[in-house]
Amino acid sequence: MSSLQDLTAKVVAFRDAREWKQFHNPKDCALSLVLEAGELLEIFQWKNGDEIDATAVARRQDVADELADIFNWLLLIAHDQGIDLAQALTDKIAVNDRKYPADKAKGTSRKYTEL
């Protein structure tokens, strides 16, 4: 398994070999991230109930490709902004743990302000 640093180095090297950094300002990278997330959503659009799970199975490679595209943009944005993505996630999990204590949030989809 590759580390986040290894994967980041790969996506940055891919980008740099093509001289695309000039196009990668924070707004356009964030826009690209959202567009890729939209492509993931499109796979499941108009599906309900069991169709959702069946589509996830039938289009597993498409889902994987879109997740990889999303991950690519996450790594590039974090790299360019000097953010340690692993630390940011660790910190956010701690914040969410305080907002959603297991004894109050277990089994409910209510927002933390409603717990």
C-alpha atoms as a PDB file:
ATOM      1  CA  MET A   1       0.000   0.000   0.000  1.00  0.00           C
ATOM      2  CA  SER A   2       1.304   3.440  -0.875  1.00  0.00           C
ATOM      3  CA  SER A   3       1.511   6.223   1.663  1.00  0.00           C
ATOM      4  CA  LEU A   4      -0.192   9.553   1.141  1.00  0.00           C
ATOM      5  CA  GLN A   5       3.223  11.083   0.561  1.00  0.00           C
ATOM      6  CA  ASP A   6       4.021   8.525  -2.160  1.00  0.00           C
ATOM      7  CA  LEU A   7       0.681   9.054  -3.858  1.00  0.00           C
ATOM      8  CA  THR A   8       1.020  12.827  -3.617  1.00  0.00           C
ATOM      9  CA  ALA A   9       4.466  12.623  -5.199  1.00  0.00           C
ATOM     10  CA  LYS A  10       3.004  10.588  -8.064  1.00  0.00           C
ATOM     11  CA  VAL A  11       0.157  12.999  -8.820  1.00  0.00           C
ATOM     12  CA  VAL A  12       2.456  16.025  -8.535  1.00  0.00           C
ATOM     13  CA  ALA A  13       5.019  14.376 -10.852  1.00  0.00           C
ATOM     14  CA  PHE A  14       2.255  13.566 -13.356  1.00  0.00           C
ATOM     15  CA  ARG A  15       1.067  17.172 -13.262  1.00  0.00           C
ATOM     16  CA  ASP A  16       4.545  18.669 -13.410  1.00  0.00           C
ATOM     17  CA  ALA A  17       5.589  16.514 -16.371  1.00  0.00           C
ATOM     18  CA  ARG A  18       2.752  18.148 -18.305  1.00  0.00           C
ATOM     19  CA  GLU A  19       3.392  21.665 -16.965  1.00  0.00           C
ATOM     20  CA  TRP A  20      -0.183  21.918 -15.684  1.00  0.00           C
ATOM     21  CA  LYS A  21       0.653  23.626 -12.360  1.00  0.00           C
ATOM     22  CA  GLN A  22       0.037  26.965 -14.088  1.00  0.00           C
ATOM     23  CA  PHE A  23      -3.655  26.044 -14.344  1.00  0.00           C
ATOM     24  CA  HIS A  24      -4.003  24.782 -10.777  1.00  0.00           C
ATOM     25  CA  ASN A  25      -5.096  27.737  -8.675  1.00  0.00           C
ATOM     26  CA  PRO A  26      -7.132  26.886  -5.554  1.00  0.00           C
ATOM     27  CA  LYS A  27     -10.470  27.831  -7.133  1.00  0.00           C
ATOM     28  CA  ASP A  28     -10.014  25.725 -10.254  1.00  0.00           C
ATOM     29  CA  CYS A  29      -8.693  22.757  -8.302  1.00  0.00           C
ATOM     30  CA  ALA A  30     -11.685  22.944  -5.945  1.00  0.00           C
ATOM     31  CA  LEU A  31     -13.981  23.223  -8.955  1.00  0.00           C
ATOM     32  CA  SER A  32     -12.378  20.145 -10.509  1.00  0.00           C
ATOM     33  CA  LEU A  33     -12.852  18.259  -7.245  1.00  0.00           C
ATOM     34  CA  VAL A  34     -16.558  19.112  -7.207  1.00  0.00           C
ATOM     35  CA  LEU A  35     -16.953  18.187 -10.880  1.00  0.00           C
ATOM     36  CA  GLU A  36     -15.418  14.774 -10.252  1.00  0.00           C
ATOM     37  CA  ALA A  37     -17.691  14.292  -7.243  1.00  0.00           C
ATOM     38  CA  GLY A  38     -20.594  15.142  -9.553  1.00  0.00           C
ATOM     39  CA  GLU A  39     -19.474  12.408 -11.930  1.00  0.00           C
ATOM     40  CA  LEU A  40     -19.567   9.963  -9.025  1.00  0.00           C
ATOM     41  CA  LEU A  41     -23.083  11.117  -8.182  1.00  0.00           C
ATOM     42  CA  GLU A  42     -24.132  10.727 -11.793  1.00  0.00           C
ATOM     43  CA  ILE A  43     -23.475   6.985 -11.564  1.00  0.00           C
ATOM     44  CA  PHE A  44     -26.225   6.728  -8.946  1.00  0.00           C
ATOM     45  CA  GLN A  45     -28.566   9.366 -10.344  1.00  0.00           C
ATOM     46  CA  TRP A  46     -32.213   8.291 -10.597  1.00  0.00           C
ATOM     47  CA  LYS A  47     -31.536   5.077  -8.676  1.00  0.00           C
ATOM     48  CA  ASN A  48     -33.521   4.123  -5.571  1.00  0.00           C
ATOM     49  CA  GLY A  49     -33.526   1.348  -3.027  1.00  0.00           C
ATOM     50  CA  ASP A  50     -31.923  -1.859  -4.232  1.00  0.00           C
ATOM     51  CA  GLU A  51     -30.963  -0.200  -7.539  1.00  0.00           C
ATOM     52  CA  ILE A  52     -28.332   1.817  -5.693  1.00  0.00           C
ATOM     53  CA  ASP A  53     -26.551  -1.269  -4.377  1.00  0.00           C
ATOM     54  CA  ALA A  54     -26.916  -3.079  -7.703  1.00  0.00           C
ATOM     55  CA  THR A  55     -25.430  -0.111  -9.546  1.00  0.00           C
ATOM     56  CA  ALA A  56     -22.525   0.067  -7.103  1.00  0.00           C
ATOM     57  CA  VAL A  57     -21.741  -3.572  -7.869  1.00  0.00           C
ATOM     58  CA  ALA A  58     -22.337  -3.393 -11.623  1.00  0.00           C
ATOM     59  CA  ARG A  59     -20.350  -0.193 -12.049  1.00  0.00           C
ATOM     60  CA  ARG A  60     -17.661  -0.873  -9.482  1.00  0.00           C
ATOM     61  CA  GLN A  61     -14.840   0.130 -11.843  1.00  0.00           C
ATOM     62  CA  ASP A  62     -16.587   3.379 -12.742  1.00  0.00           C
ATOM     63  CA  VAL A  63     -17.031   4.146  -9.046  1.00  0.00           C
ATOM     64  CA  ALA A  64     -13.351   3.350  -8.424  1.00  0.00           C
ATOM     65  CA  ASP A  65     -12.283   5.609 -11.305  1.00  0.00           C
ATOM     66  CA  GLU A  66     -14.337   8.533 -10.024  1.00  0.00           C
ATOM     67  CA  LEU A  67     -13.085   8.038  -6.467  1.00  0.00           C
ATOM     68  CA  ALA A  68      -9.524   8.032  -7.821  1.00  0.00           C
ATOM     69  CA  ASP A  69     -10.195  11.297  -9.678  1.00  0.00           C
ATOM     70  CA  ILE A  70     -11.594  12.845  -6.490  1.00  0.00           C
ATOM     71  CA  PHE A  71      -8.622  11.590  -4.471  1.00  0.00           C
ATOM     72  CA  ASN A  72      -6.232  12.995  -7.076  1.00  0.00           C
ATOM     73  CA  TRP A  73      -7.676  16.487  -6.618  1.00  0.00           C
ATOM     74  CA  LEU A  74      -7.690  16.143  -2.829  1.00  0.00           C
ATOM     75  CA  LEU A  75      -4.003  15.254  -2.856  1.00  0.00           C
ATOM     76  CA  LEU A  76      -3.109  18.103  -5.208  1.00  0.00           C
ATOM     77  CA  ILE A  77      -5.065  20.703  -3.258  1.00  0.00           C
ATOM     78  CA  ALA A  78      -3.565  19.558   0.044  1.00  0.00           C
ATOM     79  CA  HIS A  79      -0.071  19.576  -1.468  1.00  0.00           C
ATOM     80  CA  ASP A  80      -0.429  23.014  -3.001  1.00  0.00           C
ATOM     81  CA  GLN A  81      -1.883  24.493   0.201  1.00  0.00           C
ATOM     82  CA  GLY A  82       0.716  22.877   2.444  1.00  0.00           C
ATOM     83  CA  ILE A  83      -1.870  20.817   4.308  1.00  0.00           C
ATOM     84  CA  ASP A  84      -0.980  17.487   5.875  1.00  0.00           C
ATOM     85  CA  LEU A  85      -4.116  15.657   4.808  1.00  0.00           C
ATOM     86  CA  ALA A  86      -3.626  12.778   7.263  1.00  0.00           C
ATOM     87  CA  GLN A  87      -3.283  15.230  10.165  1.00  0.00           C
ATOM     88  CA  ALA A  88      -6.230  17.296   8.939  1.00  0.00           C
ATOM     89  CA  LEU A  89      -8.420  14.180   8.898  1.00  0.00           C
ATOM     90  CA  THR A  90      -7.193  13.089  12.325  1.00  0.00           C
ATOM     91  CA  ASP A  91      -8.007  16.546  13.709  1.00  0.00           C
ATOM     92  CA  LYS A  92     -11.444  16.550  12.059  1.00  0.00           C
ATOM     93  CA  ILE A  93     -12.287  13.115  13.478  1.00  0.00           C
ATOM     94  CA  ALA A  94     -11.497  14.486  16.958  1.00  0.00           C
ATOM     95  CA  VAL A  95     -13.779  17.490  16.327  1.00  0.00           C
ATOM     96  CA  ASN A  96     -16.578  15.214  15.094  1.00  0.00           C
ATOM     97  CA  ASP A  97     -16.108  12.920  18.077  1.00  0.00           C
ATOM     98  CA  ARG A  98     -16.829  15.875  20.356  1.00  0.00           C
ATOM     99  CA  LYS A  99     -19.782  17.032  18.243  1.00  0.00           C
ATOM    100  CA  TYR A 100     -21.250  13.552  17.862  1.00  0.00           C
ATOM    101  CA  PRO A 101     -20.579  11.556  21.042  1.00  0.00           C
ATOM    102  CA  ALA A 102     -21.371   7.896  20.417  1.00  0.00           C
ATOM    103  CA  ASP A 103     -23.803   7.672  23.318  1.00  0.00           C
ATOM    104  CA  LYS A 104     -25.950  10.453  21.790  1.00  0.00           C
ATOM    105  CA  ALA A 105     -25.389   9.974  18.061  1.00  0.00           C
ATOM    106  CA  LYS A 106     -25.573   6.183  17.804  1.00  0.00           C
ATOM    107  CA  GLY A 107     -28.249   5.081  15.360  1.00  0.00           C
ATOM    108  CA  THR A 108     -29.479   8.568  14.473  1.00  0.00           C
ATOM    109  CA  SER A 109     -28.850  10.868  11.533  1.00  0.00           C
ATOM    110  CA  ARG A 110     -29.678  14.012  13.484  1.00  0.00           C
ATOM    111  CA  LYS A 111     -27.284  16.932  13.308  1.00  0.00           C
ATOM    112  CA  TYR A 112     -25.110  17.575  16.364  1.00  0.00           C
ATOM    113  CA  THR A 113     -27.181  20.645  17.244  1.00  0.00           C
ATOM    114  CA  GLU A 114     -30.211  18.358  17.637  1.00  0.00           C
ATOM    115  CA  LEU A 115     -28.611  15.713  19.854  1.00  0.00           C
END
